[in-house]
Amino acid sequence: MLPDTRAAAEQAALTKQPGWQRLRERYRQALDREERRIGRALLNGEPVDQRDIDRRRGFWAGVQAVLDTPEQAEQQLDRWLRAQGGDRT
């Protein structure tokens, strides 16, 4: 199946942009802060709502899925090109 090569190429190009890299780094920092906050609460014996943790886990998984889209598009293009006997240069 032929992927939408233009859209995939545009998404893959995002990974080369400094702003995209900064966004990914900010995501990692925010997730680290969130994990530390929950960890501190648990270690201090504070009540932690499991539903809230599950909701936050789903939120962060969604953010990660969005941030992974350009890399997945690039991988899809590479797989398709290899299947066609070509190579991306």
C-alpha atoms as a PDB file:
ATOM      1  CA  MET A   1       0.000   0.000   0.000  1.00  0.00           C
ATOM      2  CA  LEU A   2       1.346   3.402  -0.981  1.00  0.00           C
ATOM      3  CA  PRO A   3       1.583   5.708   2.037  1.00  0.00           C
ATOM      4  CA  ASP A   4       0.671   9.371   1.750  1.00  0.00           C
ATOM      5  CA  THR A   5       4.282  10.180   0.979  1.00  0.00           C
ATOM      6  CA  ARG A   6       3.910  13.953   1.067  1.00  0.00           C
ATOM      7  CA  ALA A   7       2.254  13.962   4.499  1.00  0.00           C
ATOM      8  CA  ALA A   8       4.703  11.364   5.808  1.00  0.00           C
ATOM      9  CA  ALA A   9       7.682  13.337   4.486  1.00  0.00           C
ATOM     10  CA  GLU A  10       6.366  16.557   6.053  1.00  0.00           C
ATOM     11  CA  GLN A  11       5.819  14.810   9.383  1.00  0.00           C
ATOM     12  CA  ALA A  12       9.250  13.172   9.236  1.00  0.00           C
ATOM     13  CA  ALA A  13      10.826  16.572   8.539  1.00  0.00           C
ATOM     14  CA  LEU A  14       9.479  17.782  11.888  1.00  0.00           C
ATOM     15  CA  THR A  15      12.040  15.635  13.681  1.00  0.00           C
ATOM     16  CA  LYS A  16      14.807  17.799  12.225  1.00  0.00           C
ATOM     17  CA  GLN A  17      13.328  21.061  13.507  1.00  0.00           C
ATOM     18  CA  PRO A  18      14.876  22.527  16.677  1.00  0.00           C
ATOM     19  CA  GLY A  19      11.449  23.576  17.908  1.00  0.00           C
ATOM     20  CA  TRP A  20      10.201  19.997  17.702  1.00  0.00           C
ATOM     21  CA  GLN A  21      13.159  18.786  19.712  1.00  0.00           C
ATOM     22  CA  ARG A  22      12.490  21.467  22.345  1.00  0.00           C
ATOM     23  CA  LEU A  23       8.842  20.424  22.505  1.00  0.00           C
ATOM     24  CA  ARG A  24       9.822  16.798  23.069  1.00  0.00           C
ATOM     25  CA  GLU A  25      12.262  17.858  25.785  1.00  0.00           C
ATOM     26  CA  ARG A  26       9.587  19.949  27.521  1.00  0.00           C
ATOM     27  CA  TYR A  27       7.275  16.932  27.404  1.00  0.00           C
ATOM     28  CA  ARG A  28       9.931  14.754  29.038  1.00  0.00           C
ATOM     29  CA  GLN A  29      10.527  17.377  31.724  1.00  0.00           C
ATOM     30  CA  ALA A  30       6.815  17.765  32.468  1.00  0.00           C
ATOM     31  CA  LEU A  31       6.345  13.997  32.652  1.00  0.00           C
ATOM     32  CA  ASP A  32       9.345  13.685  34.988  1.00  0.00           C
ATOM     33  CA  ARG A  33       7.866  16.378  37.260  1.00  0.00           C
ATOM     34  CA  GLU A  34       4.520  14.583  37.286  1.00  0.00           C
ATOM     35  CA  GLU A  35       6.130  11.248  38.145  1.00  0.00           C
ATOM     36  CA  ARG A  36       8.168  12.823  40.948  1.00  0.00           C
ATOM     37  CA  ARG A  37       5.061  14.529  42.340  1.00  0.00           C
ATOM     38  CA  ILE A  38       3.114  11.273  42.463  1.00  0.00           C
ATOM     39  CA  GLY A  39       6.126   9.408  43.846  1.00  0.00           C
ATOM     40  CA  ARG A  40       6.537  11.947  46.648  1.00  0.00           C
ATOM     41  CA  ALA A  41       2.849  11.702  47.513  1.00  0.00           C
ATOM     42  CA  LEU A  42       3.051   7.912  47.697  1.00  0.00           C
ATOM     43  CA  LEU A  43       6.236   7.967  49.791  1.00  0.00           C
ATOM     44  CA  ASN A  44       4.691  10.496  52.172  1.00  0.00           C
ATOM     45  CA  GLY A  45       1.674   8.276  52.671  1.00  0.00           C
ATOM     46  CA  GLU A  46      -0.683  10.798  51.098  1.00  0.00           C
ATOM     47  CA  PRO A  47      -3.881   9.425  49.561  1.00  0.00           C
ATOM     48  CA  VAL A  48      -3.584   9.059  45.805  1.00  0.00           C
ATOM     49  CA  ASP A  49      -6.708   8.621  43.701  1.00  0.00           C
ATOM     50  CA  GLN A  50      -6.188   5.683  41.330  1.00  0.00           C
ATOM     51  CA  ARG A  51      -8.722   7.106  38.871  1.00  0.00           C
ATOM     52  CA  ASP A  52      -6.721  10.343  38.748  1.00  0.00           C
ATOM     53  CA  ILE A  53      -3.509   8.407  38.138  1.00  0.00           C
ATOM     54  CA  ASP A  54      -5.200   6.403  35.366  1.00  0.00           C
ATOM     55  CA  ARG A  55      -6.553   9.593  33.761  1.00  0.00           C
ATOM     56  CA  ARG A  56      -3.136  11.234  33.872  1.00  0.00           C
ATOM     57  CA  ARG A  57      -1.470   8.106  32.497  1.00  0.00           C
ATOM     58  CA  GLY A  58      -3.895   8.178  29.567  1.00  0.00           C
ATOM     59  CA  PHE A  59      -3.234  11.871  28.994  1.00  0.00           C
ATOM     60  CA  TRP A  60       0.530  11.395  28.917  1.00  0.00           C
ATOM     61  CA  ALA A  61       0.170   8.363  26.631  1.00  0.00           C
ATOM     62  CA  GLY A  62      -1.842  10.535  24.234  1.00  0.00           C
ATOM     63  CA  VAL A  63       0.782  13.256  24.280  1.00  0.00           C
ATOM     64  CA  GLN A  64       3.470  10.661  23.587  1.00  0.00           C
ATOM     65  CA  ALA A  65       1.455   9.249  20.676  1.00  0.00           C
ATOM     66  CA  VAL A  66       1.252  12.704  19.094  1.00  0.00           C
ATOM     67  CA  LEU A  67       4.963  13.300  19.606  1.00  0.00           C
ATOM     68  CA  ASP A  68       5.786   9.900  18.082  1.00  0.00           C
ATOM     69  CA  THR A  69       3.813  10.585  14.880  1.00  0.00           C
ATOM     70  CA  PRO A  70       6.706  12.100  12.861  1.00  0.00           C
ATOM     71  CA  GLU A  71       9.065   9.236  13.713  1.00  0.00           C
ATOM     72  CA  GLN A  72       6.397   6.690  12.829  1.00  0.00           C
ATOM     73  CA  ALA A  73       5.765   8.436   9.508  1.00  0.00           C
ATOM     74  CA  GLU A  74       9.481   8.314   8.745  1.00  0.00           C
ATOM     75  CA  GLN A  75       9.638   4.617   9.615  1.00  0.00           C
ATOM     76  CA  GLN A  76       6.586   3.940   7.441  1.00  0.00           C
ATOM     77  CA  LEU A  77       8.240   5.683   4.504  1.00  0.00           C
ATOM     78  CA  ASP A  78      11.473   3.751   5.019  1.00  0.00           C
ATOM     79  CA  ARG A  79       9.608   0.420   5.159  1.00  0.00           C
ATOM     80  CA  TRP A  80       7.646   1.236   2.022  1.00  0.00           C
ATOM     81  CA  LEU A  81      10.769   2.294   0.127  1.00  0.00           C
ATOM     82  CA  ARG A  82      12.632  -0.882   1.148  1.00  0.00           C
ATOM     83  CA  ALA A  83       9.655  -2.960   0.020  1.00  0.00           C
ATOM     84  CA  GLN A  84       9.880  -1.222  -3.361  1.00  0.00           C
ATOM     85  CA  GLY A  85      13.569  -2.022  -3.602  1.00  0.00           C
ATOM     86  CA  GLY A  86      14.620   1.568  -3.042  1.00  0.00           C
ATOM     87  CA  ASP A  87      16.388   3.508  -0.384  1.00  0.00           C
ATOM     88  CA  ARG A  88      15.711   6.984   0.948  1.00  0.00           C
ATOM     89  CA  THR A  89      18.666   9.304   0.441  1.00  0.00           C
END
